[in-house]
Amino acid sequence: MTYTNPIIPGFHPDPSICRVGDDYFLVTSTFEYFPGVPLFHSRDLVNWRKIGHVLTRPSQLPAEPWRPSGGIYAPTLRYHAGTFYMITTNTSTGGNFYVHTQDPYGEWSDPIWVNQGGIDPSLFFDDDGRVYLTSTADVPSPLPAEIDPAASFFGIQQSELDIATGILLTEPKIVWRGTGGRWPEGPHLYKTGGRYYLMAAEGGTEQGHMETIARSDSPWGPWESCPHNPILSHRSYHSPLQALGHADLCEAHDGTWWLVCLGIRTQGYPPTAHLGRETLLAPVRWDDEGWPHVGQEGKLRVEMEGPAFAGSGPEFDAARDDFDAPTLGAEWIFLGTPSTTFWSLAERPGALRLQGSAATLDDGPPVAFVAHRQAHFTCDVAARLDFAPQTDGEEAGLTIWMNPHHHYDLFITLRGGLRHVAVRRRIGSLVAEVTRLAIPPGPLTLTIAAEPDRYSFSVTGAAGEGQTLATAEPRYLAPEVAGGFTDVCFALYTTGSGRAAHTPAYFDWFDYRTP
C-alpha cells in the first residue's frame, strides 16, 4: 500500500524514532510550549497516535526565561535493556539533559543533566555496554586558526557517558565536521554490519537542508564520508516537499530500514510554509558496499510505497472537544509552564474556563492561552464562547498564533460600554483592528475557515445567523516572515488588557474539521 507524506502533519519538527519489538515510538521538538516533547506510537510506521508527552511537570521543564523559539530543541528517543531514554536540550535554561521510563504511557523521570554543551544531543548504546553522547559542538573561544570564523557550529562532538548518573567518563571531543555544509547538527550514531555510522544534518533547517552520513570501524572515527552524500536533500529540486533533513534511522521488525525526517510544504511565491516543519517517512536500502540509499536517489515523494506490514488507518476529518473530561487532551499545549489558576474544567462542567492576568497576546506568558496545532492547509476551526466583558478592553476569543509579534485574532470585547466582536491583524510592528461589530448579549460561535492562501473569520449568533467579518493571508504568519522555529497554532485565549483581574470566559466546545 502507499502512504502520504507528511506522516505527522503540522508543527512536528526534528523527529526521532525507536522500535521495541513490533512497536514504534516517535518524538518531536516543542520549543517554548508545555507539555514538552509529544510521544507517538505506531505499529506500521505510517499511522501514528499521540499517546501523551514526555515532559509533563514543571520540574522536568522549567520555562524561565520564556522566549519565542526557546525551550526544547531536537529530542532523541532510544530504548535499551527495558528502559526508554529521551535526551534533549532546554535552550532557555539548563542545557542538555535526559529523562527515562520503563513505561512510555506513564510518567518519566526528572532530568539528569549532562555537562556537554551544544544542542541536539543523542545517545548510543554499544554492544560492549559503553554509552556515547553525541551532540553539536559550540564554537570555541578563542577560535582555532583552522576554523572558519563564519561557522555557527564547528562540528559534531562526542563523549562516553555513565547512563546511571549522567557523568561524562571522557572529555567531549570533536569527531566529525561534516561534509562542508553549514551548521552540522542533529547527529546520531548507529552500528550495523560491524561498522559505526554517524549521520548528521547540514545546510541549516531551510531550503538548503540535507542529511549526510559517514562510517568508521570505531565510534571515535576517523570517518569515511559516504560517496553519494548528501543521502537526502531537496535543495534546488522542484517538489512540494522542501527543506528535508534532521533525520533518524530505524530498522523495522521485518528487517527493512526506514528514515524519518522533517520537511516543509510551501505555498505561493516567494514560497512560505505556515504549517512549518512536519514529520516525513522514507524507505532506506543498503547497497553491497554498505552505504544507505534513501527514497529515490535521495529524494522523497508525497505518495510512496509503504512497509509491507502497513495498514490503512482512518482518515482524519474532525477533532471535537466538548470539554467534558477531567483534564485537557494531549492535543492541547500552553505557552510556557501554565498557571494552575488561569484555566479550569471543573468550574462550569462541560466548559473550559479561561481567566488570566493582565498580559496580552503581544506579551506572551502569562497570558491565558491554550493552543491546538494547525495540521491541514484546508480546515475549519470553531469555538462556542460565552463571554460578558465588564470593563473596556477585556477580550476573549480565537487567535491564529505564530508568536507575540505575528498573530490574527477573532475576539469578543467591550468598547465604550458596548460588547463587540472584532478581528485584529498583528504583523510585526503593524497592528490593525480591521473589523468591529456591535453584538447583543449571549454566547457566540467564532469560526476560522483556513485555505492554503487565506483565513476567513466569521461569527454566528444564537439564532444561527452567520456573518463573515474579515480575511487574512497565512504567509505573514509563516517562519519565513515571522522568524523562529515554531509554526501556526489555533488558540483559545482571554486577557484583561492591563487589568490583573477580569471577567472569565467560558468555551463550551472546540471543533477542528477538514473537508
Protein backbone atom coordinates (compact mmCIF):
# COMPACT_ATOMS: atom_id res chain seq x y z
CA MET A 1 0.00 0.00 0.00
CA THR A 2 1.04 3.61 -0.41
CA TYR A 3 1.25 6.27 2.27
CA THR A 4 1.18 10.05 2.15
CA ASN A 5 3.90 12.41 3.38
CA PRO A 6 3.91 14.01 5.86
CA ILE A 7 3.00 11.12 8.17
CA ILE A 8 2.58 13.55 11.08
CA PRO A 9 1.46 16.92 9.68
CA GLY A 10 1.70 20.35 11.23
CA PHE A 11 4.17 21.58 13.85
CA HIS A 12 6.18 18.36 14.46
CA PRO A 13 9.84 19.02 13.64
CA ASP A 14 13.07 17.14 14.44
CA PRO A 15 11.61 13.60 14.65
CA SER A 16 13.41 10.77 16.43
CA ILE A 17 12.26 7.14 16.35
CA CYS A 18 12.92 3.86 18.12
CA ARG A 19 11.49 0.34 17.90
CA VAL A 20 10.59 -2.09 20.68
CA GLY A 21 9.56 -5.44 19.15
CA ASP A 22 6.67 -4.67 16.80
CA ASP A 23 6.00 -1.27 18.38
CA TYR A 24 7.39 2.05 17.19
CA PHE A 25 7.70 5.25 19.20
CA LEU A 26 8.50 8.75 17.93
CA VAL A 27 9.11 12.17 19.49
CA THR A 28 9.45 15.72 18.09
CA SER A 29 10.54 19.18 19.29
CA THR A 30 8.24 21.55 21.17
CA PHE A 31 10.37 24.67 21.81
CA GLU A 32 8.55 27.14 24.15
CA TYR A 33 5.38 25.05 24.55
CA PHE A 34 4.22 22.94 27.51
CA PRO A 35 3.89 19.99 27.94
CA GLY A 36 7.11 19.17 26.14
CA VAL A 37 8.04 16.52 23.56
CA PRO A 38 4.92 14.77 22.18
CA LEU A 39 5.18 10.99 22.14
CA PHE A 40 3.61 8.97 19.32
CA HIS A 41 3.03 5.23 18.90
CA SER A 42 2.60 3.15 15.73
CA ARG A 43 2.52 -0.50 14.69
CA ASP A 44 3.20 0.15 10.99
CA LEU A 45 5.36 3.34 10.72
CA VAL A 46 2.59 5.06 8.73
CA ASN A 47 -0.32 5.57 11.13
CA TRP A 48 0.66 7.32 14.35
CA ARG A 49 -1.30 8.07 17.52
CA LYS A 50 -0.24 10.64 20.08
CA ILE A 51 -0.13 8.86 23.44
CA GLY A 52 0.97 11.83 25.52
CA HIS A 53 4.07 13.91 26.27
CA VAL A 54 7.42 13.10 27.82
CA LEU A 55 7.84 16.33 29.82
CA THR A 56 4.65 16.93 31.77
CA ARG A 57 5.85 18.51 35.04
CA PRO A 58 7.45 21.89 35.77
CA SER A 59 10.33 20.03 37.45
CA GLN A 60 11.11 18.47 34.05
CA LEU A 61 10.57 21.63 32.04
CA PRO A 62 11.44 24.90 33.80
CA ALA A 63 10.25 27.60 31.43
CA GLU A 64 12.01 30.73 32.67
CA PRO A 65 13.15 32.84 30.99
CA TRP A 66 10.45 32.32 28.33
CA ARG A 67 11.18 33.40 24.76
CA PRO A 68 9.74 32.56 21.33
CA SER A 69 11.57 29.59 19.79
CA GLY A 70 13.37 28.92 23.07
CA GLY A 71 12.84 25.87 25.24
CA ILE A 72 13.12 22.30 23.97
CA TYR A 73 15.19 21.52 20.86
CA ALA A 74 15.61 18.26 18.93
CA PRO A 75 14.93 15.31 21.24
CA THR A 76 16.36 11.83 20.62
CA LEU A 77 14.44 8.75 21.73
CA ARG A 78 16.21 5.47 22.46
CA TYR A 79 15.37 2.13 24.12
CA HIS A 80 17.88 -0.09 25.92
CA ALA A 81 17.56 -3.03 28.33
CA GLY A 82 13.92 -2.39 29.19
CA THR A 83 14.21 1.40 29.59
CA PHE A 84 13.26 4.30 27.31
CA TYR A 85 15.55 7.34 27.26
CA MET A 86 14.74 10.77 25.84
CA ILE A 87 17.61 13.25 25.63
CA THR A 88 17.23 16.87 24.53
CA THR A 89 18.30 20.48 25.11
CA ASN A 90 16.48 23.10 27.14
CA THR A 91 17.87 26.19 25.42
CA SER A 92 16.13 28.54 27.86
CA THR A 93 17.76 27.09 30.97
CA GLY A 94 19.96 24.20 31.94
CA GLY A 95 21.28 22.86 28.63
CA ASN A 96 21.37 19.14 27.80
CA PHE A 97 19.55 16.53 29.89
CA TYR A 98 17.79 13.18 29.63
CA VAL A 99 14.83 11.50 31.28
CA HIS A 100 13.87 7.84 31.38
CA THR A 101 10.98 5.45 32.00
CA GLN A 102 10.09 1.79 31.70
CA ASP A 103 6.51 2.67 30.77
CA PRO A 104 6.18 5.15 27.87
CA TYR A 105 2.47 5.55 28.67
CA GLY A 106 3.28 6.67 32.21
CA GLU A 107 5.46 9.22 33.98
CA TRP A 108 9.07 9.94 33.03
CA SER A 109 11.87 10.71 35.50
CA ASP A 110 13.10 14.14 36.47
CA PRO A 111 16.00 15.43 34.35
CA ILE A 112 19.54 14.10 34.60
CA TRP A 113 21.71 16.98 33.39
CA VAL A 114 24.88 16.34 31.39
CA ASN A 115 27.94 18.55 31.22
CA GLN A 116 28.29 18.63 27.45
CA GLY A 117 27.39 21.76 25.55
CA GLY A 118 25.91 22.33 22.13
CA ILE A 119 22.43 21.24 21.09
CA ASP A 120 20.75 18.17 19.53
CA PRO A 121 22.17 15.50 21.89
CA SER A 122 21.81 11.81 21.02
CA LEU A 123 22.55 8.56 22.89
CA PHE A 124 24.08 5.37 21.50
CA PHE A 125 24.26 2.11 23.47
CA ASP A 126 27.11 -0.06 22.18
CA ASP A 127 27.33 -3.85 22.30
CA ASP A 128 30.10 -3.72 24.94
CA GLY A 129 27.98 -1.72 27.40
CA ARG A 130 29.51 1.66 26.67
CA VAL A 131 27.15 4.60 26.15
CA TYR A 132 28.07 7.52 23.90
CA LEU A 133 26.69 11.06 23.99
CA THR A 134 26.87 12.85 20.64
CA SER A 135 25.87 16.49 20.08
CA THR A 136 26.77 19.60 18.15
CA ALA A 137 29.85 21.47 19.30
CA ASP A 138 29.81 25.11 20.32
CA VAL A 139 32.23 27.44 18.61
CA PRO A 140 35.27 27.60 20.92
CA SER A 141 36.79 30.84 22.11
CA PRO A 142 39.46 31.70 21.14
CA LEU A 143 38.80 30.17 17.74
CA PRO A 144 41.47 27.78 16.41
CA ALA A 145 43.19 29.04 13.26
CA GLU A 146 41.86 26.19 11.12
CA ILE A 147 38.20 27.00 11.84
CA ASP A 148 36.21 29.37 9.64
CA PRO A 149 35.17 32.39 11.78
CA ALA A 150 31.80 32.44 9.97
CA ALA A 151 30.88 28.96 11.26
CA SER A 152 27.99 28.92 13.71
CA PHE A 153 28.68 25.35 14.79
CA PHE A 154 32.02 23.85 14.31
CA GLY A 155 31.38 20.15 14.28
CA ILE A 156 29.98 17.10 16.00
CA GLN A 157 31.33 16.27 19.45
CA GLN A 158 31.15 13.08 21.47
CA SER A 159 31.92 11.70 24.92
CA GLU A 160 31.40 8.48 26.83
CA LEU A 161 28.65 8.68 29.44
CA ASP A 162 27.68 6.90 32.66
CA ILE A 163 23.98 6.44 31.89
CA ALA A 164 23.09 5.87 35.56
CA THR A 165 24.41 9.23 36.74
CA GLY A 166 24.89 11.43 33.67
CA ILE A 167 28.58 11.87 34.50
CA LEU A 168 30.90 12.12 31.49
CA LEU A 169 33.58 9.41 31.52
CA THR A 170 35.62 11.17 28.82
CA GLU A 171 36.02 14.78 27.81
CA PRO A 172 33.89 15.85 24.80
CA LYS A 173 35.90 15.51 21.59
CA ILE A 174 35.22 16.77 18.08
CA VAL A 175 34.78 13.62 15.99
CA TRP A 176 33.45 14.94 12.64
CA ARG A 177 32.95 18.29 10.94
CA GLY A 178 30.52 17.05 8.28
CA THR A 179 30.98 17.40 4.55
CA GLY A 180 31.32 21.18 4.36
CA GLY A 181 27.71 22.30 4.74
CA ARG A 182 26.96 24.95 7.34
CA TRP A 183 25.70 24.07 10.80
CA PRO A 184 26.36 20.31 11.08
CA GLU A 185 23.76 19.31 13.68
CA GLY A 186 21.21 16.66 14.69
CA PRO A 187 23.84 13.89 14.92
CA HIS A 188 23.00 10.22 15.52
CA LEU A 189 25.44 7.32 15.97
CA TYR A 190 24.46 3.81 14.80
CA LYS A 191 26.09 0.41 14.38
CA THR A 192 25.18 -2.10 11.68
CA GLY A 193 27.14 -4.72 9.78
CA GLY A 194 30.01 -4.36 12.24
CA ARG A 195 30.57 -0.68 11.36
CA TYR A 196 29.69 2.57 13.09
CA TYR A 197 27.72 5.19 11.15
CA LEU A 198 27.48 8.86 12.10
CA MET A 199 24.61 10.73 10.45
CA ALA A 200 24.02 14.49 10.67
CA ALA A 201 22.03 17.32 9.13
CA GLU A 202 23.84 20.11 7.32
CA GLY A 203 22.92 23.29 5.47
CA GLY A 204 20.55 24.77 8.05
CA THR A 205 16.89 23.89 8.51
CA GLU A 206 15.77 25.87 5.43
CA GLN A 207 15.83 25.28 1.68
CA GLY A 208 19.49 24.12 1.72
CA HIS A 209 18.84 21.41 4.31
CA MET A 210 20.41 17.98 3.73
CA GLU A 211 21.35 14.77 5.50
CA THR A 212 24.87 13.32 5.34
CA ILE A 213 26.49 10.18 6.72
CA ALA A 214 29.96 8.74 7.36
CA ARG A 215 31.28 5.43 8.72
CA SER A 216 34.18 4.06 10.72
CA ASP A 217 35.44 0.96 12.47
CA SER A 218 35.44 2.94 15.73
CA PRO A 219 32.84 5.21 17.35
CA TRP A 220 35.58 7.86 17.51
CA GLY A 221 36.47 7.75 13.81
CA PRO A 222 38.30 8.53 11.61
CA TRP A 223 35.20 8.82 9.41
CA GLU A 224 34.83 7.89 5.77
CA SER A 225 32.23 10.09 4.09
CA CYS A 226 29.52 8.38 2.01
CA PRO A 227 30.42 8.72 -1.71
CA HIS A 228 26.88 9.80 -2.60
CA ASN A 229 26.40 12.41 0.16
CA PRO A 230 24.04 14.04 0.76
CA ILE A 231 21.95 10.90 1.19
CA LEU A 232 18.81 13.07 1.45
CA SER A 233 18.11 16.57 0.18
CA HIS A 234 15.58 18.52 -1.91
CA ARG A 235 17.77 21.62 -2.29
CA SER A 236 17.25 23.16 -5.76
CA TYR A 237 14.78 20.35 -6.52
CA HIS A 238 11.25 21.02 -7.74
CA SER A 239 8.96 19.27 -5.24
CA PRO A 240 6.06 20.14 -2.94
CA LEU A 241 8.32 18.83 -0.14
CA GLN A 242 11.26 21.07 0.77
CA ALA A 243 13.92 21.58 3.48
CA LEU A 244 14.30 17.84 4.12
CA GLY A 245 16.76 16.87 6.84
CA HIS A 246 17.27 16.31 10.58
CA ALA A 247 16.65 12.58 10.17
CA ASP A 248 16.75 9.39 12.25
CA LEU A 249 17.12 5.78 11.08
CA CYS A 250 15.19 2.71 12.23
CA GLU A 251 15.37 -1.00 11.34
CA ALA A 252 11.84 -2.40 11.20
CA HIS A 253 10.85 -5.73 12.72
CA ASP A 254 10.78 -7.31 9.24
CA GLY A 255 14.40 -6.33 8.55
CA THR A 256 13.64 -3.35 6.27
CA TRP A 257 15.06 0.08 7.07
CA TRP A 258 13.25 3.40 7.27
CA LEU A 259 14.07 7.01 7.92
CA VAL A 260 12.04 9.79 9.49
CA CYS A 261 12.93 13.41 8.79
CA LEU A 262 11.48 16.88 8.85
CA GLY A 263 10.26 18.74 5.79
CA ILE A 264 8.02 21.63 4.82
CA ARG A 265 5.23 22.12 2.26
CA THR A 266 5.45 25.55 0.68
CA GLN A 267 2.70 27.74 -0.73
CA GLY A 268 2.80 30.71 -3.12
CA TYR A 269 5.77 32.74 -4.31
CA PRO A 270 8.08 33.63 -2.73
CA PRO A 271 7.39 30.27 -1.08
CA THR A 272 6.33 30.18 2.55
CA ALA A 273 5.30 27.30 4.81
CA HIS A 274 2.97 28.41 7.60
CA LEU A 275 2.35 24.78 8.70
CA GLY A 276 6.09 24.68 9.29
CA ARG A 277 8.30 21.66 9.71
CA GLU A 278 6.46 18.34 9.63
CA THR A 279 7.44 14.66 10.01
CA LEU A 280 8.07 12.61 6.83
CA LEU A 281 8.92 8.95 6.19
CA ALA A 282 11.20 7.34 3.59
CA PRO A 283 12.41 3.80 2.79
CA VAL A 284 16.13 3.06 3.08
CA ARG A 285 18.11 0.48 1.10
CA TRP A 286 21.66 -0.60 1.96
CA ASP A 287 23.91 -1.35 -1.04
CA ASP A 288 26.56 -4.06 -1.35
CA GLU A 289 29.24 -1.57 -0.29
CA GLY A 290 27.45 -0.90 2.99
CA TRP A 291 26.03 2.55 2.24
CA PRO A 292 22.39 3.65 2.72
CA HIS A 293 20.20 4.94 -0.14
CA VAL A 294 17.17 7.00 0.95
CA GLY A 295 13.94 7.11 -1.05
CA GLN A 296 14.59 7.51 -4.77
CA GLU A 297 18.17 8.70 -5.20
CA GLY A 298 17.92 10.78 -2.05
CA LYS A 299 14.51 12.25 -2.91
CA LEU A 300 11.05 11.74 -1.39
CA ARG A 301 7.60 11.87 -2.94
CA VAL A 302 4.30 12.82 -1.37
CA GLU A 303 2.92 9.37 -2.22
CA MET A 304 5.33 6.49 -1.54
CA GLU A 305 5.20 2.72 -1.18
CA GLY A 306 4.84 1.86 2.49
CA PRO A 307 6.09 -1.01 4.62
CA ALA A 308 4.72 -4.45 3.75
CA PHE A 309 3.14 -4.60 7.22
CA ALA A 310 1.45 -1.18 6.97
CA GLY A 311 -2.30 -0.98 7.49
CA SER A 312 -4.84 1.55 6.30
CA GLY A 313 -5.61 3.97 9.08
CA PRO A 314 -8.73 6.12 9.42
CA GLU A 315 -8.69 9.45 7.60
CA PHE A 316 -8.68 12.49 9.86
CA ASP A 317 -11.87 14.50 9.48
CA ALA A 318 -12.69 16.01 12.87
CA ALA A 319 -11.31 16.68 16.32
CA ARG A 320 -14.01 17.94 18.65
CA ASP A 321 -13.54 18.70 22.32
CA ASP A 322 -16.67 19.26 24.41
CA PHE A 323 -14.53 19.90 27.49
CA ASP A 324 -16.33 17.23 29.47
CA ALA A 325 -13.21 15.28 30.52
CA PRO A 326 -11.42 15.92 33.85
CA THR A 327 -8.35 17.29 32.06
CA LEU A 328 -7.37 18.63 28.68
CA GLY A 329 -6.42 16.13 25.98
CA ALA A 330 -2.96 15.54 24.54
CA GLU A 331 -3.60 17.86 21.57
CA TRP A 332 -3.65 20.97 23.75
CA ILE A 333 -0.46 22.92 24.52
CA PHE A 334 0.37 26.04 26.55
CA LEU A 335 2.85 28.89 26.20
CA GLY A 336 5.45 28.06 28.82
CA THR A 337 4.52 26.32 32.07
CA PRO A 338 0.87 27.28 32.62
CA SER A 339 -0.51 28.78 35.78
CA THR A 340 -2.84 26.35 37.54
CA THR A 341 -5.32 29.19 38.12
CA PHE A 342 -5.96 30.53 34.62
CA TRP A 343 -7.92 27.52 33.33
CA SER A 344 -10.46 25.12 34.76
CA LEU A 345 -12.70 22.30 33.50
CA ALA A 346 -14.46 21.94 36.86
CA GLU A 347 -15.83 25.43 37.49
CA ARG A 348 -18.55 25.00 34.87
CA PRO A 349 -18.84 21.30 33.94
CA GLY A 350 -18.81 20.85 30.16
CA ALA A 351 -16.92 24.10 29.54
CA LEU A 352 -13.34 25.35 29.61
CA ARG A 353 -12.99 28.44 31.79
CA LEU A 354 -10.14 30.81 30.98
CA GLN A 355 -9.37 33.74 33.24
CA GLY A 356 -5.89 35.15 33.09
CA SER A 357 -3.70 38.04 34.02
CA ALA A 358 -3.19 41.50 32.62
CA ALA A 359 -0.84 40.02 29.99
CA THR A 360 -1.91 40.28 26.35
CA LEU A 361 -1.13 38.15 23.31
CA ASP A 362 1.64 40.61 22.48
CA ASP A 363 3.23 39.82 25.85
CA GLY A 364 3.14 36.03 25.69
CA PRO A 365 3.12 34.28 29.10
CA PRO A 366 1.38 34.60 31.45
CA VAL A 367 -1.49 35.29 29.02
CA ALA A 368 -4.36 32.81 29.45
CA PHE A 369 -3.84 30.72 26.32
CA VAL A 370 -4.32 27.09 25.23
CA ALA A 371 -3.44 26.03 21.68
CA HIS A 372 -4.09 23.31 19.08
CA ARG A 373 -1.68 22.87 16.15
CA GLN A 374 -2.88 23.63 12.61
CA ALA A 375 -2.14 20.42 10.70
CA HIS A 376 -4.03 20.95 7.41
CA PHE A 377 -3.93 23.74 4.85
CA THR A 378 -7.72 23.48 4.46
CA CYS A 379 -9.75 23.15 7.65
CA ASP A 380 -12.46 24.84 9.70
CA VAL A 381 -12.00 25.72 13.35
CA ALA A 382 -14.87 26.86 15.57
CA ALA A 383 -15.45 27.54 19.25
CA ARG A 384 -18.58 28.40 21.22
CA LEU A 385 -17.77 31.29 23.57
CA ASP A 386 -19.79 32.69 26.47
CA PHE A 387 -18.12 35.95 27.50
CA ALA A 388 -19.71 39.07 29.00
CA PRO A 389 -16.85 41.57 29.50
CA GLN A 390 -17.47 44.15 32.22
CA THR A 391 -14.65 46.61 31.54
CA ASP A 392 -13.47 48.24 28.33
CA GLY A 393 -10.51 46.41 26.79
CA GLU A 394 -11.22 42.94 28.16
CA GLU A 395 -11.25 40.34 25.40
CA ALA A 396 -11.55 36.61 24.74
CA GLY A 397 -11.64 34.56 21.57
CA LEU A 398 -9.68 32.61 18.96
CA THR A 399 -6.22 33.52 17.72
CA ILE A 400 -4.14 32.14 14.87
CA TRP A 401 -0.81 32.26 16.61
CA MET A 402 2.79 32.21 15.46
CA ASN A 403 4.49 34.36 18.11
CA PRO A 404 3.78 37.54 20.11
CA HIS A 405 4.50 39.72 17.06
CA HIS A 406 2.64 37.68 14.44
CA HIS A 407 -0.95 36.60 15.10
CA TYR A 408 -4.52 37.12 13.83
CA ASP A 409 -7.29 37.44 16.44
CA LEU A 410 -11.08 36.94 16.36
CA PHE A 411 -12.49 38.07 19.70
CA ILE A 412 -15.28 39.49 21.82
CA THR A 413 -14.50 42.72 23.68
CA LEU A 414 -16.10 45.74 25.37
CA ARG A 415 -15.61 49.19 23.83
CA GLY A 416 -17.40 52.30 25.09
CA GLY A 417 -19.60 50.12 27.27
CA LEU A 418 -20.85 48.09 24.25
CA ARG A 419 -19.98 44.47 23.50
CA HIS A 420 -18.34 43.94 20.11
CA VAL A 421 -16.84 41.14 18.05
CA ALA A 422 -13.65 42.19 16.27
CA VAL A 423 -10.81 40.98 14.04
CA ARG A 424 -7.25 42.19 14.54
CA ARG A 425 -4.11 41.56 12.49
CA ARG A 426 -0.67 41.76 14.14
CA ILE A 427 2.24 41.56 11.66
CA GLY A 428 5.48 42.70 13.25
CA SER A 429 5.09 46.32 14.31
CA LEU A 430 1.91 46.74 12.21
CA VAL A 431 -1.28 46.30 14.25
CA ALA A 432 -4.75 46.88 12.81
CA GLU A 433 -8.25 46.13 14.07
CA VAL A 434 -9.83 45.57 10.66
CA THR A 435 -13.42 44.88 11.74
CA ARG A 436 -15.54 45.68 14.80
CA LEU A 437 -19.23 44.85 15.03
CA ALA A 438 -21.62 45.55 17.92
CA ILE A 439 -23.34 42.37 19.17
CA PRO A 440 -26.14 41.55 21.61
CA PRO A 441 -25.62 39.60 24.85
CA GLY A 442 -25.30 35.82 24.79
CA PRO A 443 -22.93 33.08 23.56
CA LEU A 444 -21.44 33.28 20.05
CA THR A 445 -19.75 30.79 17.75
CA LEU A 446 -16.44 32.05 16.42
CA THR A 447 -15.23 30.36 13.21
CA ILE A 448 -11.98 30.45 11.24
CA ALA A 449 -12.02 28.84 7.79
CA ALA A 450 -8.49 28.06 6.62
CA GLU A 451 -7.47 27.67 2.99
CA PRO A 452 -3.91 27.42 1.61
CA ASP A 453 -3.84 31.16 0.82
CA ARG A 454 -6.48 32.64 3.13
CA TYR A 455 -8.05 32.69 6.57
CA SER A 456 -11.69 33.82 6.80
CA PHE A 457 -13.16 34.98 10.13
CA SER A 458 -16.87 34.75 10.90
CA VAL A 459 -19.31 34.86 13.79
CA THR A 460 -22.63 33.10 14.37
CA GLY A 461 -25.18 34.26 16.94
CA ALA A 462 -27.78 32.40 18.96
CA ALA A 463 -30.31 32.49 16.13
CA GLY A 464 -27.89 30.76 13.76
CA GLU A 465 -27.20 33.77 11.56
CA GLY A 466 -23.62 33.86 10.31
CA GLN A 467 -21.53 36.79 9.15
CA THR A 468 -18.05 36.88 7.61
CA LEU A 469 -16.03 39.68 9.18
CA ALA A 470 -12.60 39.70 7.51
CA THR A 471 -9.85 37.69 5.80
CA ALA A 472 -6.08 37.48 6.20
CA GLU A 473 -3.11 35.86 4.43
CA PRO A 474 -1.35 32.87 6.09
CA ARG A 475 2.05 33.79 4.58
CA TYR A 476 2.60 36.61 7.09
CA LEU A 477 2.49 34.09 9.94
CA ALA A 478 4.98 31.71 8.28
CA PRO A 479 8.52 31.32 9.72
CA GLU A 480 9.93 32.85 6.53
CA VAL A 481 8.25 36.12 7.57
CA ALA A 482 7.76 35.81 11.33
CA GLY A 483 11.09 34.11 12.05
CA GLY A 484 11.76 31.38 14.58
CA PHE A 485 11.38 27.60 14.55
CA THR A 486 7.73 27.14 15.57
CA ASP A 487 4.62 27.05 13.43
CA VAL A 488 0.99 28.15 13.38
CA CYS A 489 -1.50 27.10 16.05
CA PHE A 490 -5.16 27.90 16.72
CA ALA A 491 -5.58 29.03 20.32
CA LEU A 492 -8.32 29.94 22.76
CA TYR A 493 -7.37 32.93 24.90
CA THR A 494 -8.52 35.71 27.17
CA THR A 495 -6.85 38.84 28.55
CA GLY A 496 -7.66 41.74 30.81
CA SER A 497 -5.58 44.01 28.55
CA GLY A 498 -3.90 45.59 31.55
CA ARG A 499 -6.31 44.51 34.29
CA ALA A 500 -4.96 41.81 36.58
CA ALA A 501 -8.46 40.53 37.43
CA HIS A 502 -11.10 40.36 34.74
CA THR A 503 -14.23 38.59 33.57
CA PRO A 504 -13.91 34.80 33.00
CA ALA A 505 -14.53 33.39 29.51
CA TYR A 506 -16.29 30.04 29.04
CA PHE A 507 -15.68 27.92 25.94
CA ASP A 508 -18.42 25.30 25.56
CA TRP A 509 -16.65 23.37 22.79
CA PHE A 510 -13.89 23.50 20.19
CA ASP A 511 -14.19 21.90 16.75
CA TYR A 512 -11.47 21.22 14.14
CA ARG A 513 -12.72 19.80 10.82
CA THR A 514 -11.26 19.02 7.42
CA PRO A 515 -13.24 18.76 4.16
